[in-house]
Every structure is written in C-alpha cells, then in structure tokens.
Amino acid sequence: MAEIENLSKKIADDASKEAQAIKSAASSQAFEILEKSRSDAKRMLDDAKTLAESLYKESYAKRMSRQESDGRQELLRKKMEAAESVLKKAKDEAVKLPKEEYREYFKKNASKISVEDGEFIIGAKESNIDSQFVKSLFKGVKMTESKEKPDFDYGIKVISGRAHYTLSILSDIEYGKEKLLSLINRELFSEDKA
C-alpha cells in the first residue's frame, strides 16, 4: 500500500508541477499579450496624435492663410477708398479754383486744338467760363455758341466739322485716373514699399 501512496503522491506532485508549469506558461503568455496590447495601444495613440497634430497644423495654416489674404484684401480696399477719396477731393477743389487760375487751364489747352471754325458748348454747371471767354480762346476763328443743351457739367466741348474736342479739368483728371491713383497710392503708402 505504501507503493500506492507513493504512486498517488508522485502523481499528485507531477500534476502539481504540471499545473504550476501550465500556470507559469499561461502567466508568461498573458504578460506578453498584455505588453503587446499596451505597446499596440501606445503606438495607435501616438499615430492618432501625430495625425491629429498634422491635421490641426494643416487646418491652422489654411485658416491663417485665408485670414492673411482677407486682411490684405481689406487693406487694399481701404487704400483704394483713401485714394479715391483724395481723387474726389481733387476734383471738387479743381472746380472751385479761383476764376483766373481755372481759366489758365483752358488758355493753355485751347492752343493745342487746331480749328478753323466751329461751335462750342459750355458745361451746365460752369460758372467761371462764359461765351466771351471761349471766343477769346480761339482768336481769328469763327466760333459760335451751340444751341444744344450741355450733357456734361464742367468744361467746354468744341465742335469743328466732324471733330469734337473736350476741354475739362475733370475729364483730364478722369483720363489720368489710373496714373493719379498709382501716384496717390505710392505717396500715401510709401512705407509699404519695404
């Protein structure tokens, strides 16, 4: 019977050792699985964080670029408004020049027109020019005042044959508007050149 007890004890010891080995292997395998899961989870979190940062930076860069573009457009709009305002004031001041200074413009520019005879129309709001003055601009030329109503406010329109000439400070300002706006912008915003 002692042999049966020894055999039973040996079987129990072997079973205990086998159970311990299985438990140890399972514990080791569980630890490896847990570590791999932790490592995979950390890698996935790092990848997600990297992707999120990349998307944020891209979105931020686009938003900043759009805001800078909007800011530049707004600044350009304000500059153009300021330049247009200066140009409008220049036009307003041009028609308010003292009579003799205002007439100097017409004396200077009438000499550039070559007419043999014709008629003229004076602008509807013209107060510094009369028909006597216009006739004096074209000495030796038969000029008559037209019966037509003026379709413009300031200046003189001269009609000689098929040729039509307009003498007007405001027309000259409007004609040179782009050049004037460029000059005004350069003068007003010269610090922007740098």
N, C-alpha and C. Protein backbone atom coordinates (compact mmCIF):
# COMPACT_ATOMS: atom_id res chain seq x y z
N MET A 1 0.80 -1.16 0.00
CA MET A 1 0.00 0.00 0.00
C MET A 1 0.86 1.25 0.00
N ALA A 2 1.99 1.13 0.57
CA ALA A 2 2.89 2.24 0.57
C ALA A 2 3.25 2.62 -0.85
N GLU A 3 3.30 1.61 -1.70
CA GLU A 3 3.61 1.90 -3.08
C GLU A 3 2.49 2.69 -3.74
N ILE A 4 1.28 2.36 -3.38
CA ILE A 4 0.13 3.07 -3.97
C ILE A 4 0.14 4.52 -3.46
N GLU A 5 0.50 4.67 -2.19
CA GLU A 5 0.53 6.03 -1.66
C GLU A 5 1.65 6.81 -2.33
N ASN A 6 2.79 6.15 -2.51
CA ASN A 6 3.92 6.81 -3.16
C ASN A 6 3.54 7.16 -4.60
N LEU A 7 2.85 6.24 -5.26
CA LEU A 7 2.43 6.46 -6.64
C LEU A 7 1.41 7.60 -6.70
N SER A 8 0.49 7.60 -5.73
CA SER A 8 -0.52 8.65 -5.68
C SER A 8 0.15 9.99 -5.41
N LYS A 9 1.12 9.96 -4.46
CA LYS A 9 1.81 11.20 -4.13
C LYS A 9 2.60 11.67 -5.33
N LYS A 10 3.25 10.73 -6.05
CA LYS A 10 4.04 11.09 -7.22
C LYS A 10 3.12 11.67 -8.30
N ILE A 11 1.98 11.07 -8.49
CA ILE A 11 1.03 11.57 -9.49
C ILE A 11 0.56 12.96 -9.09
N ALA A 12 0.26 13.15 -7.79
CA ALA A 12 -0.19 14.44 -7.30
C ALA A 12 0.91 15.47 -7.46
N ASP A 13 2.17 15.08 -7.12
CA ASP A 13 3.31 16.01 -7.26
C ASP A 13 3.52 16.35 -8.74
N ASP A 14 3.47 15.32 -9.58
CA ASP A 14 3.64 15.57 -11.02
C ASP A 14 2.53 16.47 -11.55
N ALA A 15 1.30 16.22 -11.08
CA ALA A 15 0.16 17.04 -11.51
C ALA A 15 0.34 18.46 -11.02
N SER A 16 0.84 18.61 -9.78
CA SER A 16 1.07 19.93 -9.22
C SER A 16 2.14 20.66 -9.99
N LYS A 17 3.23 19.93 -10.33
CA LYS A 17 4.32 20.53 -11.10
C LYS A 17 3.80 20.91 -12.50
N GLU A 18 3.01 20.00 -13.10
CA GLU A 18 2.47 20.26 -14.43
C GLU A 18 1.54 21.47 -14.37
N ALA A 19 0.70 21.53 -13.34
CA ALA A 19 -0.23 22.65 -13.17
C ALA A 19 0.57 23.95 -12.98
N GLN A 20 1.64 23.87 -12.19
CA GLN A 20 2.50 25.03 -11.93
C GLN A 20 3.15 25.48 -13.23
N ALA A 21 3.63 24.52 -14.05
CA ALA A 21 4.27 24.85 -15.33
C ALA A 21 3.26 25.48 -16.27
N ILE A 22 2.04 24.88 -16.32
CA ILE A 22 0.99 25.44 -17.18
C ILE A 22 0.62 26.83 -16.70
N LYS A 23 0.48 27.00 -15.37
CA LYS A 23 0.12 28.30 -14.80
C LYS A 23 1.21 29.32 -15.10
N SER A 24 2.46 28.93 -14.96
CA SER A 24 3.59 29.81 -15.22
C SER A 24 3.64 30.20 -16.69
N ALA A 25 3.43 29.22 -17.59
CA ALA A 25 3.43 29.49 -19.03
C ALA A 25 2.27 30.40 -19.38
N ALA A 26 1.10 30.15 -18.79
CA ALA A 26 -0.08 30.98 -19.05
C ALA A 26 0.14 32.39 -18.55
N SER A 27 0.76 32.49 -17.35
CA SER A 27 1.04 33.81 -16.78
C SER A 27 2.02 34.56 -17.67
N SER A 28 3.06 33.88 -18.14
CA SER A 28 4.05 34.49 -19.02
C SER A 28 3.41 34.90 -20.33
N GLN A 29 2.57 34.03 -20.86
CA GLN A 29 1.90 34.32 -22.13
C GLN A 29 0.93 35.50 -21.94
N ALA A 30 0.21 35.52 -20.81
CA ALA A 30 -0.72 36.61 -20.51
C ALA A 30 0.05 37.93 -20.41
N PHE A 31 1.24 37.91 -19.75
CA PHE A 31 2.07 39.10 -19.61
C PHE A 31 2.52 39.60 -21.00
N GLU A 32 2.96 38.66 -21.87
CA GLU A 32 3.39 39.02 -23.21
C GLU A 32 2.24 39.63 -24.01
N ILE A 33 1.05 39.01 -23.89
CA ILE A 33 -0.14 39.52 -24.61
C ILE A 33 -0.49 40.91 -24.09
N LEU A 34 -0.44 41.08 -22.78
CA LEU A 34 -0.75 42.38 -22.16
C LEU A 34 0.26 43.44 -22.61
N GLU A 35 1.54 43.09 -22.60
CA GLU A 35 2.58 44.03 -23.03
C GLU A 35 2.41 44.40 -24.50
N LYS A 36 2.11 43.39 -25.34
CA LYS A 36 1.90 43.66 -26.77
C LYS A 36 0.68 44.55 -26.96
N SER A 37 -0.39 44.30 -26.20
CA SER A 37 -1.60 45.13 -26.29
C SER A 37 -1.29 46.56 -25.86
N ARG A 38 -0.53 46.70 -24.76
CA ARG A 38 -0.14 48.04 -24.31
C ARG A 38 0.71 48.74 -25.38
N SER A 39 1.66 48.01 -25.93
CA SER A 39 2.54 48.57 -26.97
C SER A 39 1.72 48.97 -28.20
N ASP A 40 0.78 48.09 -28.63
CA ASP A 40 -0.07 48.41 -29.78
C ASP A 40 -0.96 49.62 -29.49
N ALA A 41 -1.51 49.66 -28.28
CA ALA A 41 -2.37 50.79 -27.90
C ALA A 41 -1.57 52.09 -27.89
N LYS A 42 -0.34 52.06 -27.35
CA LYS A 42 0.51 53.26 -27.32
C LYS A 42 0.86 53.69 -28.74
N ARG A 43 1.21 52.72 -29.61
CA ARG A 43 1.54 53.04 -31.00
C ARG A 43 0.33 53.66 -31.70
N MET A 44 -0.87 53.08 -31.48
CA MET A 44 -2.08 53.62 -32.11
C MET A 44 -2.37 55.03 -31.59
N LEU A 45 -2.18 55.26 -30.28
CA LEU A 45 -2.38 56.60 -29.71
C LEU A 45 -1.37 57.60 -30.28
N ASP A 46 -0.10 57.16 -30.38
CA ASP A 46 0.93 58.03 -30.95
C ASP A 46 0.62 58.37 -32.41
N ASP A 47 0.19 57.35 -33.19
CA ASP A 47 -0.18 57.58 -34.59
C ASP A 47 -1.37 58.54 -34.68
N ALA A 48 -2.36 58.33 -33.81
CA ALA A 48 -3.54 59.19 -33.81
C ALA A 48 -3.15 60.62 -33.42
N LYS A 49 -2.26 60.75 -32.44
CA LYS A 49 -1.80 62.07 -32.00
C LYS A 49 -1.04 62.77 -33.14
N THR A 50 -0.15 62.03 -33.81
CA THR A 50 0.61 62.59 -34.93
C THR A 50 -0.32 63.03 -36.05
N LEU A 51 -1.30 62.19 -36.38
CA LEU A 51 -2.27 62.53 -37.41
C LEU A 51 -3.09 63.76 -37.01
N ALA A 52 -3.54 63.80 -35.75
CA ALA A 52 -4.33 64.93 -35.26
C ALA A 52 -3.51 66.22 -35.32
N GLU A 53 -2.24 66.15 -34.91
CA GLU A 53 -1.37 67.34 -34.96
C GLU A 53 -1.17 67.79 -36.40
N SER A 54 -0.96 66.85 -37.29
CA SER A 54 -0.76 67.17 -38.70
C SER A 54 -2.01 67.84 -39.28
N LEU A 55 -3.17 67.26 -38.99
CA LEU A 55 -4.43 67.83 -39.48
C LEU A 55 -4.67 69.21 -38.87
N TYR A 56 -4.34 69.38 -37.60
CA TYR A 56 -4.51 70.67 -36.95
C TYR A 56 -3.60 71.72 -37.60
N LYS A 57 -2.32 71.34 -37.79
CA LYS A 57 -1.37 72.28 -38.40
C LYS A 57 -1.82 72.67 -39.81
N GLU A 58 -2.29 71.70 -40.57
CA GLU A 58 -2.76 71.97 -41.93
C GLU A 58 -3.97 72.89 -41.89
N SER A 59 -4.92 72.59 -41.01
CA SER A 59 -6.11 73.42 -40.87
C SER A 59 -5.75 74.82 -40.40
N TYR A 60 -4.83 74.90 -39.43
CA TYR A 60 -4.39 76.19 -38.90
C TYR A 60 -3.71 77.01 -39.99
N ALA A 61 -2.83 76.36 -40.77
CA ALA A 61 -2.12 77.06 -41.85
C ALA A 61 -3.11 77.60 -42.89
N LYS A 62 -4.13 76.79 -43.24
CA LYS A 62 -5.13 77.24 -44.20
C LYS A 62 -5.92 78.42 -43.65
N ARG A 63 -6.30 78.31 -42.37
CA ARG A 63 -7.07 79.38 -41.74
C ARG A 63 -6.26 80.66 -41.68
N MET A 64 -4.97 80.55 -41.31
CA MET A 64 -4.10 81.73 -41.23
C MET A 64 -3.90 82.34 -42.62
N SER A 65 -3.71 81.49 -43.62
CA SER A 65 -3.52 81.97 -44.99
C SER A 65 -4.76 82.72 -45.46
N ARG A 66 -5.93 82.15 -45.16
CA ARG A 66 -7.19 82.80 -45.54
C ARG A 66 -7.34 84.14 -44.82
N GLN A 67 -7.00 84.18 -43.53
CA GLN A 67 -7.10 85.43 -42.77
C GLN A 67 -6.12 86.47 -43.29
N GLU A 68 -4.90 86.04 -43.63
CA GLU A 68 -3.92 86.97 -44.19
C GLU A 68 -4.41 87.51 -45.53
N SER A 69 -4.96 86.62 -46.36
CA SER A 69 -5.47 87.05 -47.65
C SER A 69 -6.63 88.03 -47.47
N ASP A 70 -7.55 87.71 -46.56
CA ASP A 70 -8.67 88.62 -46.28
C ASP A 70 -8.15 89.95 -45.76
N GLY A 71 -7.14 89.90 -44.90
CA GLY A 71 -6.55 91.13 -44.36
C GLY A 71 -5.91 91.98 -45.45
N ARG A 72 -5.17 91.33 -46.36
CA ARG A 72 -4.55 92.06 -47.47
C ARG A 72 -5.62 92.68 -48.37
N GLN A 73 -6.69 91.92 -48.64
CA GLN A 73 -7.77 92.45 -49.48
C GLN A 73 -8.44 93.64 -48.80
N GLU A 74 -8.66 93.53 -47.50
CA GLU A 74 -9.30 94.63 -46.76
C GLU A 74 -8.38 95.85 -46.77
N LEU A 75 -7.08 95.65 -46.57
CA LEU A 75 -6.13 96.75 -46.59
C LEU A 75 -6.11 97.41 -47.97
N LEU A 76 -6.10 96.59 -49.03
CA LEU A 76 -6.12 97.13 -50.38
C LEU A 76 -7.41 97.91 -50.63
N ARG A 77 -8.53 97.38 -50.15
CA ARG A 77 -9.82 98.09 -50.31
C ARG A 77 -9.78 99.44 -49.60
N LYS A 78 -9.22 99.46 -48.38
CA LYS A 78 -9.12 100.71 -47.62
C LYS A 78 -8.20 101.70 -48.33
N LYS A 79 -7.08 101.20 -48.86
CA LYS A 79 -6.14 102.07 -49.59
C LYS A 79 -6.83 102.68 -50.81
N MET A 80 -7.57 101.82 -51.55
CA MET A 80 -8.25 102.32 -52.74
C MET A 80 -9.32 103.34 -52.35
N GLU A 81 -10.03 103.10 -51.26
CA GLU A 81 -11.03 104.07 -50.80
C GLU A 81 -10.35 105.39 -50.46
N ALA A 82 -9.21 105.32 -49.77
CA ALA A 82 -8.49 106.54 -49.41
C ALA A 82 -8.02 107.27 -50.67
N ALA A 83 -7.47 106.52 -51.63
CA ALA A 83 -7.01 107.14 -52.87
C ALA A 83 -8.18 107.74 -53.65
N GLU A 84 -9.29 107.00 -53.73
CA GLU A 84 -10.48 107.51 -54.41
C GLU A 84 -11.00 108.78 -53.72
N SER A 85 -10.94 108.78 -52.40
CA SER A 85 -11.38 109.95 -51.64
C SER A 85 -10.50 111.16 -51.95
N VAL A 86 -9.19 110.94 -52.01
CA VAL A 86 -8.27 112.03 -52.35
C VAL A 86 -8.56 112.53 -53.77
N LEU A 87 -8.80 111.60 -54.69
CA LEU A 87 -9.09 111.97 -56.07
C LEU A 87 -10.39 112.76 -56.16
N LYS A 88 -11.39 112.34 -55.41
CA LYS A 88 -12.68 113.06 -55.40
C LYS A 88 -12.48 114.48 -54.86
N LYS A 89 -11.69 114.60 -53.78
CA LYS A 89 -11.41 115.93 -53.23
C LYS A 89 -10.67 116.80 -54.24
N ALA A 90 -9.76 116.17 -54.98
CA ALA A 90 -9.02 116.92 -56.01
C ALA A 90 -9.98 117.45 -57.07
N LYS A 91 -10.94 116.61 -57.49
CA LYS A 91 -11.92 117.05 -58.48
C LYS A 91 -12.78 118.18 -57.92
N ASP A 92 -13.22 118.02 -56.66
CA ASP A 92 -14.04 119.06 -56.03
C ASP A 92 -13.28 120.38 -55.95
N GLU A 93 -12.00 120.30 -55.60
CA GLU A 93 -11.17 121.51 -55.48
C GLU A 93 -10.89 122.13 -56.85
N ALA A 94 -10.74 121.28 -57.88
CA ALA A 94 -10.43 121.79 -59.23
C ALA A 94 -11.52 122.72 -59.74
N VAL A 95 -12.78 122.38 -59.49
CA VAL A 95 -13.87 123.23 -59.98
C VAL A 95 -14.09 124.45 -59.08
N LYS A 96 -13.43 124.48 -57.93
CA LYS A 96 -13.55 125.62 -57.02
C LYS A 96 -12.34 126.55 -57.09
N LEU A 97 -11.45 126.30 -58.05
CA LEU A 97 -10.28 127.16 -58.19
C LEU A 97 -10.73 128.61 -58.43
N PRO A 98 -9.90 129.56 -58.04
CA PRO A 98 -10.23 130.95 -58.37
C PRO A 98 -10.36 131.11 -59.89
N LYS A 99 -11.23 132.00 -60.30
CA LYS A 99 -11.58 132.15 -61.71
C LYS A 99 -10.37 132.25 -62.63
N GLU A 100 -9.39 133.06 -62.30
CA GLU A 100 -8.23 133.24 -63.18
C GLU A 100 -7.38 131.97 -63.27
N GLU A 101 -7.19 131.30 -62.13
CA GLU A 101 -6.42 130.05 -62.15
C GLU A 101 -7.16 128.98 -62.97
N TYR A 102 -8.45 128.93 -62.81
CA TYR A 102 -9.27 127.96 -63.53
C TYR A 102 -9.17 128.21 -65.04
N ARG A 103 -9.25 129.49 -65.42
CA ARG A 103 -9.20 129.85 -66.84
C ARG A 103 -7.83 129.56 -67.46
N GLU A 104 -6.78 129.59 -66.66
CA GLU A 104 -5.43 129.31 -67.17
C GLU A 104 -5.37 127.92 -67.81
N TYR A 105 -6.06 126.97 -67.21
CA TYR A 105 -6.10 125.62 -67.77
C TYR A 105 -6.62 125.66 -69.21
N PHE A 106 -7.70 126.40 -69.43
CA PHE A 106 -8.33 126.46 -70.75
C PHE A 106 -7.45 127.23 -71.74
N LYS A 107 -6.81 128.29 -71.27
CA LYS A 107 -5.91 129.06 -72.15
C LYS A 107 -4.77 128.16 -72.62
N LYS A 108 -4.22 127.40 -71.73
CA LYS A 108 -3.08 126.53 -72.05
C LYS A 108 -3.51 125.43 -73.02
N ASN A 109 -4.64 124.79 -72.79
CA ASN A 109 -5.06 123.63 -73.59
C ASN A 109 -5.78 123.99 -74.88
N ALA A 110 -6.38 125.19 -74.97
CA ALA A 110 -7.08 125.58 -76.20
C ALA A 110 -6.07 125.77 -77.33
N SER A 111 -4.86 126.14 -76.99
CA SER A 111 -3.84 126.35 -78.03
C SER A 111 -3.43 125.04 -78.69
N LYS A 112 -3.74 123.93 -78.09
CA LYS A 112 -3.40 122.62 -78.65
C LYS A 112 -4.45 122.13 -79.65
N ILE A 113 -5.56 122.84 -79.72
CA ILE A 113 -6.65 122.44 -80.63
C ILE A 113 -6.55 123.28 -81.90
N SER A 114 -6.57 122.62 -83.02
CA SER A 114 -6.49 123.31 -84.30
C SER A 114 -7.88 123.28 -84.96
N VAL A 115 -8.56 124.44 -84.94
CA VAL A 115 -9.89 124.53 -85.57
C VAL A 115 -9.91 125.75 -86.48
N GLU A 116 -10.68 125.64 -87.55
CA GLU A 116 -10.82 126.78 -88.46
C GLU A 116 -12.11 127.54 -88.17
N ASP A 117 -13.13 126.81 -87.85
CA ASP A 117 -14.39 127.41 -87.42
C ASP A 117 -15.16 126.33 -86.69
N GLY A 118 -16.21 126.72 -85.99
CA GLY A 118 -16.98 125.73 -85.28
C GLY A 118 -17.89 126.34 -84.25
N GLU A 119 -18.36 125.47 -83.40
CA GLU A 119 -19.23 125.93 -82.31
C GLU A 119 -18.78 125.28 -81.02
N PHE A 120 -19.29 125.80 -79.93
CA PHE A 120 -18.87 125.30 -78.62
C PHE A 120 -20.08 125.20 -77.70
N ILE A 121 -19.92 124.33 -76.72
CA ILE A 121 -20.95 124.17 -75.68
C ILE A 121 -20.23 124.30 -74.35
N ILE A 122 -20.81 125.07 -73.46
CA ILE A 122 -20.24 125.27 -72.12
C ILE A 122 -20.99 124.37 -71.15
N GLY A 123 -20.26 123.72 -70.24
CA GLY A 123 -20.86 122.82 -69.25
C GLY A 123 -21.97 123.46 -68.45
N ALA A 124 -22.96 122.67 -68.06
CA ALA A 124 -24.16 123.16 -67.38
C ALA A 124 -23.87 123.85 -66.05
N LYS A 125 -22.85 123.39 -65.33
CA LYS A 125 -22.56 123.98 -64.01
C LYS A 125 -21.37 124.94 -64.04
N GLU A 126 -20.89 125.27 -65.22
CA GLU A 126 -19.73 126.14 -65.37
C GLU A 126 -20.08 127.55 -64.92
N SER A 127 -19.30 128.08 -63.98
CA SER A 127 -19.53 129.46 -63.52
C SER A 127 -18.34 130.36 -63.83
N ASN A 128 -17.20 129.78 -64.15
CA ASN A 128 -16.00 130.57 -64.42
C ASN A 128 -15.76 130.81 -65.90
N ILE A 129 -16.63 130.27 -66.74
CA ILE A 129 -16.44 130.38 -68.19
C ILE A 129 -17.73 130.91 -68.80
N ASP A 130 -17.56 131.87 -69.70
CA ASP A 130 -18.70 132.38 -70.45
C ASP A 130 -18.35 132.36 -71.93
N SER A 131 -19.32 132.67 -72.78
CA SER A 131 -19.11 132.58 -74.22
C SER A 131 -18.05 133.57 -74.69
N GLN A 132 -17.96 134.74 -74.08
CA GLN A 132 -16.94 135.73 -74.45
C GLN A 132 -15.55 135.17 -74.22
N PHE A 133 -15.37 134.49 -73.09
CA PHE A 133 -14.06 133.91 -72.76
C PHE A 133 -13.69 132.82 -73.78
N VAL A 134 -14.66 131.95 -74.12
CA VAL A 134 -14.39 130.87 -75.07
C VAL A 134 -13.98 131.46 -76.42
N LYS A 135 -14.69 132.47 -76.87
CA LYS A 135 -14.35 133.10 -78.15
C LYS A 135 -12.95 133.69 -78.10
N SER A 136 -12.56 134.23 -76.95
CA SER A 136 -11.21 134.82 -76.83
C SER A 136 -10.12 133.75 -76.88
N LEU A 137 -10.47 132.51 -76.55
CA LEU A 137 -9.50 131.41 -76.62
C LEU A 137 -9.14 131.07 -78.06
N PHE A 138 -10.08 131.29 -78.98
CA PHE A 138 -9.89 130.92 -80.39
C PHE A 138 -9.90 132.17 -81.26
N LYS A 139 -8.96 133.07 -81.03
CA LYS A 139 -8.87 134.32 -81.80
C LYS A 139 -8.64 134.00 -83.27
N GLY A 140 -9.31 134.74 -84.13
CA GLY A 140 -9.16 134.55 -85.56
C GLY A 140 -9.96 133.39 -86.10
N VAL A 141 -10.73 132.72 -85.25
CA VAL A 141 -11.55 131.59 -85.67
C VAL A 141 -13.00 131.95 -85.42
N LYS A 142 -13.83 131.64 -86.40
CA LYS A 142 -15.26 131.93 -86.23
C LYS A 142 -15.87 130.85 -85.34
N MET A 143 -16.16 131.23 -84.12
CA MET A 143 -16.75 130.29 -83.15
C MET A 143 -18.10 130.85 -82.70
N THR A 144 -19.09 129.98 -82.66
CA THR A 144 -20.41 130.37 -82.17
C THR A 144 -20.84 129.41 -81.08
N GLU A 145 -21.68 129.91 -80.21
CA GLU A 145 -22.18 129.06 -79.13
C GLU A 145 -23.31 128.18 -79.68
N SER A 146 -23.25 126.91 -79.40
CA SER A 146 -24.23 125.95 -79.89
C SER A 146 -25.56 126.14 -79.17
N LYS A 147 -26.61 125.79 -79.86
CA LYS A 147 -27.96 125.85 -79.27
C LYS A 147 -28.26 124.58 -78.47
N GLU A 148 -27.40 123.56 -78.64
CA GLU A 148 -27.61 122.30 -77.92
C GLU A 148 -27.44 122.51 -76.41
N LYS A 149 -28.20 121.76 -75.66
CA LYS A 149 -28.06 121.78 -74.20
C LYS A 149 -26.85 120.91 -73.83
N PRO A 150 -26.06 121.35 -72.88
CA PRO A 150 -24.89 120.54 -72.49
C PRO A 150 -25.31 119.24 -71.79
N ASP A 151 -24.61 118.15 -72.09
CA ASP A 151 -24.85 116.87 -71.42
C ASP A 151 -23.71 116.56 -70.46
N PHE A 152 -23.01 117.60 -70.04
CA PHE A 152 -21.90 117.49 -69.10
C PHE A 152 -21.94 118.71 -68.18
N ASP A 153 -21.27 118.64 -67.06
CA ASP A 153 -21.35 119.71 -66.07
C ASP A 153 -20.26 120.77 -66.20
N TYR A 154 -19.00 120.34 -66.42
CA TYR A 154 -17.90 121.29 -66.39
C TYR A 154 -17.06 121.18 -67.65
N GLY A 155 -16.52 122.32 -68.08
CA GLY A 155 -15.63 122.35 -69.22
C GLY A 155 -16.31 122.88 -70.46
N ILE A 156 -15.61 122.68 -71.60
CA ILE A 156 -16.08 123.17 -72.89
C ILE A 156 -15.99 122.03 -73.89
N LYS A 157 -16.99 121.94 -74.75
CA LYS A 157 -16.94 120.99 -75.86
C LYS A 157 -16.88 121.84 -77.12
N VAL A 158 -15.87 121.59 -77.95
CA VAL A 158 -15.69 122.33 -79.20
C VAL A 158 -15.98 121.37 -80.35
N ILE A 159 -16.83 121.83 -81.28
CA ILE A 159 -17.20 121.01 -82.43
C ILE A 159 -16.77 121.77 -83.69
N SER A 160 -15.88 121.15 -84.45
CA SER A 160 -15.38 121.75 -85.69
C SER A 160 -15.45 120.69 -86.77
N GLY A 161 -16.42 120.83 -87.66
CA GLY A 161 -16.64 119.80 -88.67
C GLY A 161 -17.08 118.51 -87.97
N ARG A 162 -16.33 117.44 -88.22
CA ARG A 162 -16.65 116.16 -87.58
C ARG A 162 -15.86 115.96 -86.29
N ALA A 163 -14.95 116.85 -86.03
CA ALA A 163 -14.10 116.72 -84.83
C ALA A 163 -14.79 117.30 -83.61
N HIS A 164 -14.68 116.55 -82.51
CA HIS A 164 -15.22 117.01 -81.23
C HIS A 164 -14.07 117.04 -80.23
N TYR A 165 -13.91 118.16 -79.57
CA TYR A 165 -12.84 118.30 -78.57
C TYR A 165 -13.47 118.65 -77.24
N THR A 166 -12.95 118.08 -76.19
CA THR A 166 -13.43 118.39 -74.85
C THR A 166 -12.29 118.98 -74.05
N LEU A 167 -12.53 120.14 -73.49
CA LEU A 167 -11.58 120.78 -72.59
C LEU A 167 -12.22 120.79 -71.21
N SER A 168 -11.66 120.00 -70.31
CA SER A 168 -12.24 119.93 -68.97
C SER A 168 -11.18 119.41 -68.00
N ILE A 169 -10.99 120.15 -66.92
CA ILE A 169 -10.06 119.69 -65.89
C ILE A 169 -10.51 118.33 -65.38
N LEU A 170 -11.81 118.17 -65.16
CA LEU A 170 -12.33 116.91 -64.62
C LEU A 170 -12.13 115.76 -65.60
N SER A 171 -12.29 116.03 -66.89
CA SER A 171 -12.04 114.97 -67.89
C SER A 171 -10.58 114.56 -67.87
N ASP A 172 -9.69 115.55 -67.76
CA ASP A 172 -8.26 115.24 -67.70
C ASP A 172 -7.92 114.44 -66.45
N ILE A 173 -8.54 114.81 -65.34
CA ILE A 173 -8.31 114.05 -64.10
C ILE A 173 -8.81 112.62 -64.28
N GLU A 174 -9.99 112.47 -64.85
CA GLU A 174 -10.56 111.13 -65.06
C GLU A 174 -9.71 110.33 -66.05
N TYR A 175 -9.23 111.01 -67.10
CA TYR A 175 -8.40 110.35 -68.10
C TYR A 175 -7.10 109.82 -67.47
N GLY A 176 -6.54 110.60 -66.59
CA GLY A 176 -5.30 110.20 -65.93
C GLY A 176 -5.52 109.52 -64.59
N LYS A 177 -6.73 109.04 -64.36
CA LYS A 177 -7.12 108.48 -63.06
C LYS A 177 -6.19 107.36 -62.59
N GLU A 178 -5.92 106.38 -63.45
CA GLU A 178 -5.07 105.25 -63.03
C GLU A 178 -3.67 105.72 -62.66
N LYS A 179 -3.13 106.64 -63.46
CA LYS A 179 -1.80 107.18 -63.16
C LYS A 179 -1.84 107.96 -61.84
N LEU A 180 -2.91 108.75 -61.66
CA LEU A 180 -3.06 109.52 -60.43
C LEU A 180 -3.24 108.60 -59.22
N LEU A 181 -4.07 107.55 -59.38
CA LEU A 181 -4.27 106.62 -58.27
C LEU A 181 -2.95 105.94 -57.90
N SER A 182 -2.18 105.59 -58.90
CA SER A 182 -0.88 104.97 -58.65
C SER A 182 0.03 105.93 -57.89
N LEU A 183 0.05 107.19 -58.32
CA LEU A 183 0.86 108.20 -57.65
C LEU A 183 0.38 108.43 -56.22
N ILE A 184 -0.94 108.54 -56.06
CA ILE A 184 -1.51 108.76 -54.72
C ILE A 184 -1.17 107.57 -53.81
N ASN A 185 -1.35 106.36 -54.32
CA ASN A 185 -1.02 105.17 -53.52
C ASN A 185 0.45 105.16 -53.13
N ARG A 186 1.30 105.49 -54.08
CA ARG A 186 2.74 105.49 -53.79
C ARG A 186 3.06 106.55 -52.72
N GLU A 187 2.44 107.72 -52.83
CA GLU A 187 2.71 108.78 -51.87
C GLU A 187 2.09 108.48 -50.50
N LEU A 188 0.85 108.00 -50.52
CA LEU A 188 0.17 107.74 -49.24
C LEU A 188 0.72 106.53 -48.50
N PHE A 189 1.14 105.55 -49.26
CA PHE A 189 1.51 104.27 -48.65
C PHE A 189 2.94 103.89 -48.96
N SER A 190 3.82 104.89 -49.01
CA SER A 190 5.21 104.63 -49.38
C SER A 190 5.92 103.72 -48.40
N GLU A 191 5.47 103.66 -47.14
CA GLU A 191 6.12 102.77 -46.16
C GLU A 191 5.88 101.31 -46.50
N ASP A 192 4.90 101.02 -47.38
CA ASP A 192 4.61 99.64 -47.78
C ASP A 192 5.62 99.11 -48.79
N LYS A 193 6.49 99.99 -49.34
CA LYS A 193 7.44 99.57 -50.37
C LYS A 193 8.46 98.59 -49.83
N ALA A 194 8.81 98.70 -48.58
CA ALA A 194 9.87 97.87 -47.99
C ALA A 194 9.48 96.46 -47.84
